[in-house]
Amino acid sequence: QAKDKDIERVSVYGQHHKNYITEQADSASKLGITI
């Protein structure tokens, strides 16, 4: 039922210099959800 659903892409801050925030972390669930 989800084949036509667009995949939501989560922005990952902190990958560029001088910003210490990161929203994505897969350690807790493997579900691809944000922190």
Full PDB file with SEQRES, HELIX, SHEET, SSBOND, CRYST1, ORIGX, SCALE, CONECT and MASTER records, all heavy atoms in Angstrom:
SEQRES   1 A   35  GLN ALA LYS ASP LYS ASP ILE GLU ARG VAL SER VAL TYR          
SEQRES   2 A   35  GLY GLN HIS HIS LYS ASN TYR ILE THR GLU GLN ALA ASP          
SEQRES   3 A   35  SER ALA SER LYS LEU GLY ILE THR ILE                          
CRYST1    1.000    1.000    1.000  90.00  90.00  90.00 P 1           1          
ORIGX1      1.000000  0.000000  0.000000        0.00000                         
ORIGX2      0.000000  1.000000  0.000000        0.00000                         
ORIGX3      0.000000  0.000000  1.000000        0.00000                         
SCALE1      1.000000  0.000000  0.000000        0.00000                         
SCALE2      0.000000  1.000000  0.000000        0.00000                         
SCALE3      0.000000  0.000000  1.000000        0.00000                         
ATOM      1  N   GLN A   1       0.812  -1.206   0.000  1.00  0.00           N  
ATOM      2  CA  GLN A   1       0.000   0.000   0.000  1.00  0.00           C  
ATOM      3  C   GLN A   1       0.849   1.261   0.000  1.00  0.00           C  
ATOM      4  O   GLN A   1       0.334   2.356  -0.167  1.00  0.00           O  
ATOM      5  CB  GLN A   1      -0.914   0.013   1.229  1.00  0.00           C  
ATOM      6  CG  GLN A   1      -1.833  -1.193   1.296  1.00  0.00           C  
ATOM      7  CD  GLN A   1      -2.668  -1.161   2.551  1.00  0.00           C  
ATOM      8  OE1 GLN A   1      -3.109  -0.093   2.995  1.00  0.00           O  
ATOM      9  NE2 GLN A   1      -2.892  -2.325   3.138  1.00  0.00           N  
ATOM     10  N   ALA A   2       2.165   1.090   0.238  1.00  0.00           N  
ATOM     11  CA  ALA A   2       3.028   2.270   0.355  1.00  0.00           C  
ATOM     12  C   ALA A   2       3.900   2.481  -0.871  1.00  0.00           C  
ATOM     13  O   ALA A   2       4.771   3.327  -0.871  1.00  0.00           O  
ATOM     14  CB  ALA A   2       3.916   2.140   1.592  1.00  0.00           C  
ATOM     15  N   LYS A   3       3.679   1.699  -1.930  1.00  0.00           N  
ATOM     16  CA  LYS A   3       4.587   1.772  -3.063  1.00  0.00           C  
ATOM     17  C   LYS A   3       4.604   3.133  -3.736  1.00  0.00           C  
ATOM     18  O   LYS A   3       5.602   3.556  -4.303  1.00  0.00           O  
ATOM     19  CB  LYS A   3       4.228   0.697  -4.092  1.00  0.00           C  
ATOM     20  CG  LYS A   3       4.728  -0.690  -3.690  1.00  0.00           C  
ATOM     21  CD  LYS A   3       4.519  -1.703  -4.801  1.00  0.00           C  
ATOM     22  CE  LYS A   3       5.120  -3.038  -4.455  1.00  0.00           C  
ATOM     23  NZ  LYS A   3       4.947  -4.032  -5.530  1.00  0.00           N  
ATOM     24  N   ASP A   4       3.463   3.780  -3.690  1.00  0.00           N  
ATOM     25  CA  ASP A   4       3.382   5.076  -4.357  1.00  0.00           C  
ATOM     26  C   ASP A   4       3.774   6.233  -3.457  1.00  0.00           C  
ATOM     27  O   ASP A   4       3.712   7.387  -3.851  1.00  0.00           O  
ATOM     28  CB  ASP A   4       1.963   5.305  -4.873  1.00  0.00           C  
ATOM     29  CG  ASP A   4       1.601   4.277  -5.930  1.00  0.00           C  
ATOM     30  OD1 ASP A   4       2.525   3.845  -6.652  1.00  0.00           O  
ATOM     31  OD2 ASP A   4       0.413   3.918  -6.006  1.00  0.00           O  
ATOM     32  N   LYS A   5       4.179   5.919  -2.234  1.00  0.00           N  
ATOM     33  CA  LYS A   5       4.514   6.973  -1.269  1.00  0.00           C  
ATOM     34  C   LYS A   5       5.934   7.467  -1.518  1.00  0.00           C  
ATOM     35  O   LYS A   5       6.843   6.691  -1.744  1.00  0.00           O  
ATOM     36  CB  LYS A   5       4.402   6.400   0.154  1.00  0.00           C  
ATOM     37  CG  LYS A   5       4.929   7.295   1.230  1.00  0.00           C  
ATOM     38  CD  LYS A   5       4.796   6.586   2.563  1.00  0.00           C  
ATOM     39  CE  LYS A   5       5.491   7.336   3.662  1.00  0.00           C  
ATOM     40  NZ  LYS A   5       6.911   7.423   3.518  1.00  0.00           N  
ATOM     41  N   ASP A   6       6.114   8.779  -1.543  1.00  0.00           N  
ATOM     42  CA  ASP A   6       7.448   9.331  -1.687  1.00  0.00           C  
ATOM     43  C   ASP A   6       8.256   9.046  -0.448  1.00  0.00           C  
ATOM     44  O   ASP A   6       7.763   9.127   0.674  1.00  0.00           O  
ATOM     45  CB  ASP A   6       7.388  10.860  -1.898  1.00  0.00           C  
ATOM     46  CG  ASP A   6       6.786  11.194  -3.247  1.00  0.00           C  
ATOM     47  OD1 ASP A   6       6.886  10.350  -4.163  1.00  0.00           O  
ATOM     48  OD2 ASP A   6       6.206  12.297  -3.355  1.00  0.00           O  
ATOM     49  N   ILE A   7       9.508   8.708  -0.629  1.00  0.00           N  
ATOM     50  CA  ILE A   7      10.391   8.458   0.501  1.00  0.00           C  
ATOM     51  C   ILE A   7      10.789   9.793   1.117  1.00  0.00           C  
ATOM     52  O   ILE A   7      11.330  10.664   0.445  1.00  0.00           O  
ATOM     53  CB  ILE A   7      11.654   7.685   0.057  1.00  0.00           C  
ATOM     54  CG1 ILE A   7      11.239   6.322  -0.521  1.00  0.00           C  
ATOM     55  CG2 ILE A   7      12.609   7.514   1.217  1.00  0.00           C  
ATOM     56  CD1 ILE A   7      12.399   5.562  -1.097  1.00  0.00           C  
ATOM     57  N   GLU A   8      10.529   9.924   2.417  1.00  0.00           N  
ATOM     58  CA  GLU A   8      10.869  11.165   3.120  1.00  0.00           C  
ATOM     59  C   GLU A   8      12.361  11.173   3.438  1.00  0.00           C  
ATOM     60  O   GLU A   8      12.876  10.255   4.068  1.00  0.00           O  
ATOM     61  CB  GLU A   8      10.078  11.261   4.421  1.00  0.00           C  
ATOM     62  CG  GLU A   8      10.413  12.508   5.218  1.00  0.00           C  
ATOM     63  CD  GLU A   8       9.694  12.531   6.550  1.00  0.00           C  
ATOM     64  OE1 GLU A   8       8.944  11.581   6.817  1.00  0.00           O  
ATOM     65  OE2 GLU A   8       9.900  13.487   7.307  1.00  0.00           O  
ATOM     66  N   ARG A   9      13.056  12.168   3.003  1.00  0.00           N  
ATOM     67  CA  ARG A   9      14.489  12.252   3.258  1.00  0.00           C  
ATOM     68  C   ARG A   9      14.722  13.231   4.403  1.00  0.00           C  
ATOM     69  O   ARG A   9      14.286  14.363   4.359  1.00  0.00           O  
ATOM     70  CB  ARG A   9      15.244  12.698   2.011  1.00  0.00           C  
ATOM     71  CG  ARG A   9      15.060  11.717   0.858  1.00  0.00           C  
ATOM     72  CD  ARG A   9      16.126  11.864  -0.196  1.00  0.00           C  
ATOM     73  NE  ARG A   9      15.983  10.856  -1.213  1.00  0.00           N  
ATOM     74  CZ  ARG A   9      16.490   9.650  -1.152  1.00  0.00           C  
ATOM     75  NH1 ARG A   9      17.182   9.287  -0.090  1.00  0.00           N  
ATOM     76  NH2 ARG A   9      16.308   8.783  -2.128  1.00  0.00           N  
ATOM     77  N   VAL A  10      15.438  12.726   5.427  1.00  0.00           N  
ATOM     78  CA  VAL A  10      15.663  13.517   6.629  1.00  0.00           C  
ATOM     79  C   VAL A  10      16.962  14.292   6.485  1.00  0.00           C  
ATOM     80  O   VAL A  10      18.005  13.728   6.150  1.00  0.00           O  
ATOM     81  CB  VAL A  10      15.736  12.595   7.867  1.00  0.00           C  
ATOM     82  CG1 VAL A  10      15.989  13.421   9.114  1.00  0.00           C  
ATOM     83  CG2 VAL A  10      14.448  11.792   8.000  1.00  0.00           C  
ATOM     84  N   SER A  11      16.921  15.576   6.719  1.00  0.00           N  
ATOM     85  CA  SER A  11      18.127  16.390   6.665  1.00  0.00           C  
ATOM     86  C   SER A  11      19.061  16.017   7.802  1.00  0.00           C  
ATOM     87  O   SER A  11      18.626  15.797   8.917  1.00  0.00           O  
ATOM     88  CB  SER A  11      17.773  17.880   6.768  1.00  0.00           C  
ATOM     89  OG  SER A  11      16.947  18.259   5.700  1.00  0.00           O  
ATOM     90  N   VAL A  12      20.342  15.936   7.511  1.00  0.00           N  
ATOM     91  CA  VAL A  12      21.332  15.619   8.532  1.00  0.00           C  
ATOM     92  C   VAL A  12      22.236  16.816   8.702  1.00  0.00           C  
ATOM     93  O   VAL A  12      23.145  17.048   7.914  1.00  0.00           O  
ATOM     94  CB  VAL A  12      22.163  14.371   8.142  1.00  0.00           C  
ATOM     95  CG1 VAL A  12      23.161  14.041   9.234  1.00  0.00           C  
ATOM     96  CG2 VAL A  12      21.247  13.188   7.901  1.00  0.00           C  
ATOM     97  N   TYR A  13      21.952  17.619   9.714  1.00  0.00           N  
ATOM     98  CA  TYR A  13      22.813  18.754   9.998  1.00  0.00           C  
ATOM     99  C   TYR A  13      24.089  18.244  10.647  1.00  0.00           C  
ATOM    100  O   TYR A  13      24.169  17.130  11.120  1.00  0.00           O  
ATOM    101  CB  TYR A  13      22.105  19.720  10.946  1.00  0.00           C  
ATOM    102  CG  TYR A  13      20.770  20.183  10.460  1.00  0.00           C  
ATOM    103  CD1 TYR A  13      19.594  19.673  11.008  1.00  0.00           C  
ATOM    104  CD2 TYR A  13      20.666  21.124   9.447  1.00  0.00           C  
ATOM    105  CE1 TYR A  13      18.353  20.091  10.555  1.00  0.00           C  
ATOM    106  CE2 TYR A  13      19.431  21.545   8.990  1.00  0.00           C  
ATOM    107  CZ  TYR A  13      18.283  21.026   9.549  1.00  0.00           C  
ATOM    108  OH  TYR A  13      17.070  21.433   9.102  1.00  0.00           O  
ATOM    109  N   GLY A  14      25.102  19.091  10.710  1.00  0.00           N  
ATOM    110  CA  GLY A  14      26.327  18.695  11.393  1.00  0.00           C  
ATOM    111  C   GLY A  14      27.306  18.005  10.467  1.00  0.00           C  
ATOM    112  O   GLY A  14      28.411  17.713  10.849  1.00  0.00           O  
ATOM    113  N   GLN A  15      26.885  17.703   9.251  1.00  0.00           N  
ATOM    114  CA  GLN A  15      27.816  17.124   8.308  1.00  0.00           C  
ATOM    115  C   GLN A  15      28.682  18.222   7.679  1.00  0.00           C  
ATOM    116  O   GLN A  15      29.667  17.931   7.039  1.00  0.00           O  
ATOM    117  CB  GLN A  15      27.058  16.356   7.220  1.00  0.00           C  
ATOM    118  CG  GLN A  15      26.100  15.311   7.776  1.00  0.00           C  
ATOM    119  CD  GLN A  15      26.767  14.349   8.719  1.00  0.00           C  
ATOM    120  OE1 GLN A  15      27.766  13.734   8.367  1.00  0.00           O  
ATOM    121  NE2 GLN A  15      26.249  14.217   9.914  1.00  0.00           N  
ATOM    122  N   HIS A  16      28.253  19.456   7.832  1.00  0.00           N  
ATOM    123  CA  HIS A  16      29.074  20.557   7.367  1.00  0.00           C  
ATOM    124  C   HIS A  16      29.719  21.230   8.579  1.00  0.00           C  
ATOM    125  O   HIS A  16      29.232  21.143   9.696  1.00  0.00           O  
ATOM    126  CB  HIS A  16      28.252  21.564   6.548  1.00  0.00           C  
ATOM    127  CG  HIS A  16      27.031  22.056   7.261  1.00  0.00           C  
ATOM    128  ND1 HIS A  16      27.057  23.105   8.147  1.00  0.00           N  
ATOM    129  CD2 HIS A  16      25.749  21.622   7.221  1.00  0.00           C  
ATOM    130  CE1 HIS A  16      25.847  23.337   8.621  1.00  0.00           C  
ATOM    131  NE2 HIS A  16      25.025  22.434   8.086  1.00  0.00           N  
ATOM    132  N   HIS A  17      30.806  21.899   8.334  1.00  0.00           N  
ATOM    133  CA  HIS A  17      31.629  22.439   9.416  1.00  0.00           C  
ATOM    134  C   HIS A  17      30.872  23.483  10.233  1.00  0.00           C  
ATOM    135  O   HIS A  17      30.020  24.190   9.736  1.00  0.00           O  
ATOM    136  CB  HIS A  17      32.885  23.057   8.796  1.00  0.00           C  
ATOM    137  CG  HIS A  17      33.992  23.269   9.776  1.00  0.00           C  
ATOM    138  ND1 HIS A  17      34.362  22.327  10.701  1.00  0.00           N  
ATOM    139  CD2 HIS A  17      34.815  24.327   9.970  1.00  0.00           C  
ATOM    140  CE1 HIS A  17      35.372  22.792  11.413  1.00  0.00           C  
ATOM    141  NE2 HIS A  17      35.657  24.005  10.997  1.00  0.00           N  
ATOM    142  N   LYS A  18      31.190  23.525  11.507  1.00  0.00           N  
ATOM    143  CA  LYS A  18      30.718  24.549  12.440  1.00  0.00           C  
ATOM    144  C   LYS A  18      29.238  24.437  12.792  1.00  0.00           C  
ATOM    145  O   LYS A  18      28.604  25.438  13.074  1.00  0.00           O  
ATOM    146  CB  LYS A  18      31.007  25.970  11.914  1.00  0.00           C  
ATOM    147  CG  LYS A  18      32.442  26.185  11.469  1.00  0.00           C  
ATOM    148  CD  LYS A  18      33.445  25.825  12.523  1.00  0.00           C  
ATOM    149  CE  LYS A  18      34.857  26.064  12.020  1.00  0.00           C  
ATOM    150  NZ  LYS A  18      35.872  25.363  12.807  1.00  0.00           N  
ATOM    151  N   ASN A  19      28.673  23.251  12.764  1.00  0.00           N  
ATOM    152  CA  ASN A  19      27.334  23.062  13.303  1.00  0.00           C  
ATOM    153  C   ASN A  19      27.314  21.729  14.017  1.00  0.00           C  
ATOM    154  O   ASN A  19      27.706  20.720  13.449  1.00  0.00           O  
ATOM    155  CB  ASN A  19      26.285  23.078  12.195  1.00  0.00           C  
ATOM    156  CG  ASN A  19      24.894  23.332  12.762  1.00  0.00           C  
ATOM    157  OD1 ASN A  19      24.698  23.292  13.965  1.00  0.00           O  
ATOM    158  ND2 ASN A  19      23.952  23.596  11.880  1.00  0.00           N  
ATOM    159  N   TYR A  20      26.870  21.733  15.271  1.00  0.00           N  
ATOM    160  CA  TYR A  20      27.003  20.547  16.106  1.00  0.00           C  
ATOM    161  C   TYR A  20      25.692  19.785  16.264  1.00  0.00           C  
ATOM    162  O   TYR A  20      25.542  18.988  17.177  1.00  0.00           O  
ATOM    163  CB  TYR A  20      27.531  20.948  17.489  1.00  0.00           C  
ATOM    164  CG  TYR A  20      28.903  21.586  17.451  1.00  0.00           C  
ATOM    165  CD1 TYR A  20      29.305  22.488  18.436  1.00  0.00           C  
ATOM    166  CD2 TYR A  20      29.798  21.290  16.436  1.00  0.00           C  
ATOM    167  CE1 TYR A  20      30.563  23.065  18.413  1.00  0.00           C  
ATOM    168  CE2 TYR A  20      31.050  21.871  16.395  1.00  0.00           C  
ATOM    169  CZ  TYR A  20      31.435  22.751  17.381  1.00  0.00           C  
ATOM    170  OH  TYR A  20      32.677  23.332  17.350  1.00  0.00           O  
ATOM    171  N   ILE A  21      24.720  20.014  15.393  1.00  0.00           N  
ATOM    172  CA  ILE A  21      23.454  19.302  15.500  1.00  0.00           C  
ATOM    173  C   ILE A  21      23.378  18.220  14.418  1.00  0.00           C  
ATOM    174  O   ILE A  21      23.754  18.434  13.280  1.00  0.00           O  
ATOM    175  CB  ILE A  21      22.254  20.267  15.378  1.00  0.00           C  
ATOM    176  CG1 ILE A  21      20.942  19.517  15.557  1.00  0.00           C  
ATOM    177  CG2 ILE A  21      22.265  21.007  14.076  1.00  0.00           C  
ATOM    178  CD1 ILE A  21      19.723  20.411  15.611  1.00  0.00           C  
ATOM    179  N   THR A  22      22.915  17.038  14.811  1.00  0.00           N  
ATOM    180  CA  THR A  22      22.650  15.950  13.885  1.00  0.00           C  
ATOM    181  C   THR A  22      21.293  15.370  14.231  1.00  0.00           C  
ATOM    182  O   THR A  22      21.026  15.061  15.382  1.00  0.00           O  
ATOM    183  CB  THR A  22      23.741  14.859  13.992  1.00  0.00           C  
ATOM    184  OG1 THR A  22      25.012  15.448  13.740  1.00  0.00           O  
ATOM    185  CG2 THR A  22      23.492  13.753  12.993  1.00  0.00           C  
ATOM    186  N   GLU A  23      20.417  15.219  13.241  1.00  0.00           N  
ATOM    187  CA  GLU A  23      19.069  14.742  13.521  1.00  0.00           C  
ATOM    188  C   GLU A  23      18.927  13.234  13.382  1.00  0.00           C  
ATOM    189  O   GLU A  23      18.043  12.637  13.976  1.00  0.00           O  
ATOM    190  CB  GLU A  23      18.071  15.415  12.575  1.00  0.00           C  
ATOM    191  CG  GLU A  23      17.748  16.843  12.949  1.00  0.00           C  
ATOM    192  CD  GLU A  23      16.514  17.338  12.214  1.00  0.00           C  
ATOM    193  OE1 GLU A  23      15.788  16.511  11.650  1.00  0.00           O  
ATOM    194  OE2 GLU A  23      16.290  18.551  12.208  1.00  0.00           O  
ATOM    195  N   GLN A  24      19.781  12.596  12.579  1.00  0.00           N  
ATOM    196  CA  GLN A  24      19.591  11.194  12.262  1.00  0.00           C  
ATOM    197  C   GLN A  24      20.507  10.324  13.115  1.00  0.00           C  
ATOM    198  O   GLN A  24      21.676  10.631  13.325  1.00  0.00           O  
ATOM    199  CB  GLN A  24      19.899  10.942  10.781  1.00  0.00           C  
ATOM    200  CG  GLN A  24      19.553   9.550  10.303  1.00  0.00           C  
ATOM    201  CD  GLN A  24      18.062   9.363  10.118  1.00  0.00           C  
ATOM    202  OE1 GLN A  24      17.315  10.327  10.050  1.00  0.00           O  
ATOM    203  NE2 GLN A  24      17.631   8.119  10.056  1.00  0.00           N  
ATOM    204  N   ALA A  25      19.976   9.216  13.638  1.00  0.00           N  
ATOM    205  CA  ALA A  25      20.768   8.228  14.358  1.00  0.00           C  
ATOM    206  C   ALA A  25      20.030   6.902  14.284  1.00  0.00           C  
ATOM    207  O   ALA A  25      18.870   6.806  14.667  1.00  0.00           O  
ATOM    208  CB  ALA A  25      20.982   8.643  15.814  1.00  0.00           C  
ATOM    209  N   ASP A  26      20.693   5.862  13.769  1.00  0.00           N  
ATOM    210  CA  ASP A  26      20.045   4.576  13.550  1.00  0.00           C  
ATOM    211  C   ASP A  26      20.309   3.575  14.665  1.00  0.00           C  
ATOM    212  O   ASP A  26      19.861   2.436  14.588  1.00  0.00           O  
ATOM    213  CB  ASP A  26      20.519   3.979  12.222  1.00  0.00           C  
ATOM    214  CG  ASP A  26      20.094   4.829  11.027  1.00  0.00           C  
ATOM    215  OD1 ASP A  26      19.018   5.426  11.102  1.00  0.00           O  
ATOM    216  OD2 ASP A  26      20.853   4.881  10.046  1.00  0.00           O  
ATOM    217  N   SER A  27      21.047   3.973  15.703  1.00  0.00           N  
ATOM    218  CA  SER A  27      21.473   3.020  16.722  1.00  0.00           C  
ATOM    219  C   SER A  27      20.316   2.458  17.529  1.00  0.00           C  
ATOM    220  O   SER A  27      20.387   1.338  18.028  1.00  0.00           O  
ATOM    221  CB  SER A  27      22.468   3.692  17.679  1.00  0.00           C  
ATOM    222  OG  SER A  27      23.502   4.315  16.968  1.00  0.00           O  
ATOM    223  N   ALA A  28      19.235   3.230  17.707  1.00  0.00           N  
ATOM    224  CA  ALA A  28      18.197   2.849  18.650  1.00  0.00           C  
ATOM    225  C   ALA A  28      17.122   1.948  18.063  1.00  0.00           C  
ATOM    226  O   ALA A  28      16.480   1.212  18.804  1.00  0.00           O  
ATOM    227  CB  ALA A  28      17.551   4.105  19.240  1.00  0.00           C  
ATOM    228  N   SER A  29      16.890   1.992  16.725  1.00  0.00           N  
ATOM    229  CA  SER A  29      15.712   1.283  16.227  1.00  0.00           C  
ATOM    230  C   SER A  29      15.855   0.636  14.855  1.00  0.00           C  
ATOM    231  O   SER A  29      15.097  -0.266  14.527  1.00  0.00           O  
ATOM    232  CB  SER A  29      14.531   2.255  16.176  1.00  0.00           C  
ATOM    233  OG  SER A  29      14.751   3.241  15.180  1.00  0.00           O  
ATOM    234  N   LYS A  30      16.752   1.094  13.987  1.00  0.00           N  
ATOM    235  CA  LYS A  30      16.867   0.652  12.594  1.00  0.00           C  
ATOM    236  C   LYS A  30      15.625   0.998  11.765  1.00  0.00           C  
ATOM    237  O   LYS A  30      15.437   0.471  10.666  1.00  0.00           O  
ATOM    238  CB  LYS A  30      17.120  -0.855  12.502  1.00  0.00           C  
ATOM    239  CG  LYS A  30      18.475  -1.301  13.014  1.00  0.00           C  
ATOM    240  CD  LYS A  30      18.662  -2.794  12.823  1.00  0.00           C  
ATOM    241  CE  LYS A  30      20.032  -3.239  13.306  1.00  0.00           C  
ATOM    242  NZ  LYS A  30      20.208  -4.695  13.207  1.00  0.00           N  
ATOM    243  N   LEU A  31      14.770   1.854  12.280  1.00  0.00           N  
ATOM    244  CA  LEU A  31      13.528   2.203  11.593  1.00  0.00           C  
ATOM    245  C   LEU A  31      13.670   3.411  10.678  1.00  0.00           C  
ATOM    246  O   LEU A  31      12.719   3.794   9.998  1.00  0.00           O  
ATOM    247  CB  LEU A  31      12.417   2.467  12.616  1.00  0.00           C  
ATOM    248  CG  LEU A  31      11.928   1.249  13.395  1.00  0.00           C  
ATOM    249  CD1 LEU A  31      11.015   1.672  14.541  1.00  0.00           C  
ATOM    250  CD2 LEU A  31      11.203   0.273  12.476  1.00  0.00           C  
ATOM    251  N   GLY A  32      14.841   4.036  10.682  1.00  0.00           N  
ATOM    252  CA  GLY A  32      15.043   5.198   9.830  1.00  0.00           C  
ATOM    253  C   GLY A  32      14.336   6.439  10.319  1.00  0.00           C  
ATOM    254  O   GLY A  32      14.071   7.356   9.536  1.00  0.00           O  
ATOM    255  N   ILE A  33      14.027   6.495  11.620  1.00  0.00           N  
ATOM    256  CA  ILE A  33      13.341   7.661  12.174  1.00  0.00           C  
ATOM    257  C   ILE A  33      14.369   8.616  12.768  1.00  0.00           C  
ATOM    258  O   ILE A  33      15.516   8.255  13.015  1.00  0.00           O  
ATOM    259  CB  ILE A  33      12.302   7.247  13.231  1.00  0.00           C  
ATOM    260  CG1 ILE A  33      12.973   6.465  14.368  1.00  0.00           C  
ATOM    261  CG2 ILE A  33      11.208   6.417  12.592  1.00  0.00           C  
ATOM    262  CD1 ILE A  33      12.013   6.032  15.465  1.00  0.00           C  
ATOM    263  N   THR A  34      13.937   9.842  13.012  1.00  0.00           N  
ATOM    264  CA  THR A  34      14.851  10.856  13.521  1.00  0.00           C  
ATOM    265  C   THR A  34      15.019  10.719  15.035  1.00  0.00           C  
ATOM    266  O   THR A  34      14.281   9.989  15.708  1.00  0.00           O  
ATOM    267  CB  THR A  34      14.319  12.259  13.206  1.00  0.00           C  
ATOM    268  OG1 THR A  34      13.104  12.464  13.943  1.00  0.00           O  
ATOM    269  CG2 THR A  34      14.060  12.428  11.724  1.00  0.00           C  
ATOM    270  N   ILE A  35      15.987  11.447  15.562  1.00  0.00           N  
ATOM    271  CA  ILE A  35      16.207  11.470  17.003  1.00  0.00           C  
ATOM    272  C   ILE A  35      14.959  11.975  17.718  1.00  0.00           C  
ATOM    273  O   ILE A  35      14.582  11.462  18.778  1.00  0.00           O  
ATOM    274  CB  ILE A  35      17.425  12.350  17.340  1.00  0.00           C  
ATOM    275  CG1 ILE A  35      18.707  11.697  16.809  1.00  0.00           C  
ATOM    276  CG2 ILE A  35      17.536  12.582  18.842  1.00  0.00           C  
ATOM    277  CD1 ILE A  35      19.940  12.536  16.984  1.00  0.00           C  
TER     278      ILE A  35                                                      
MASTER        0    0    0    0    0    0    0    6  277    1    0    3          
END                                                                             
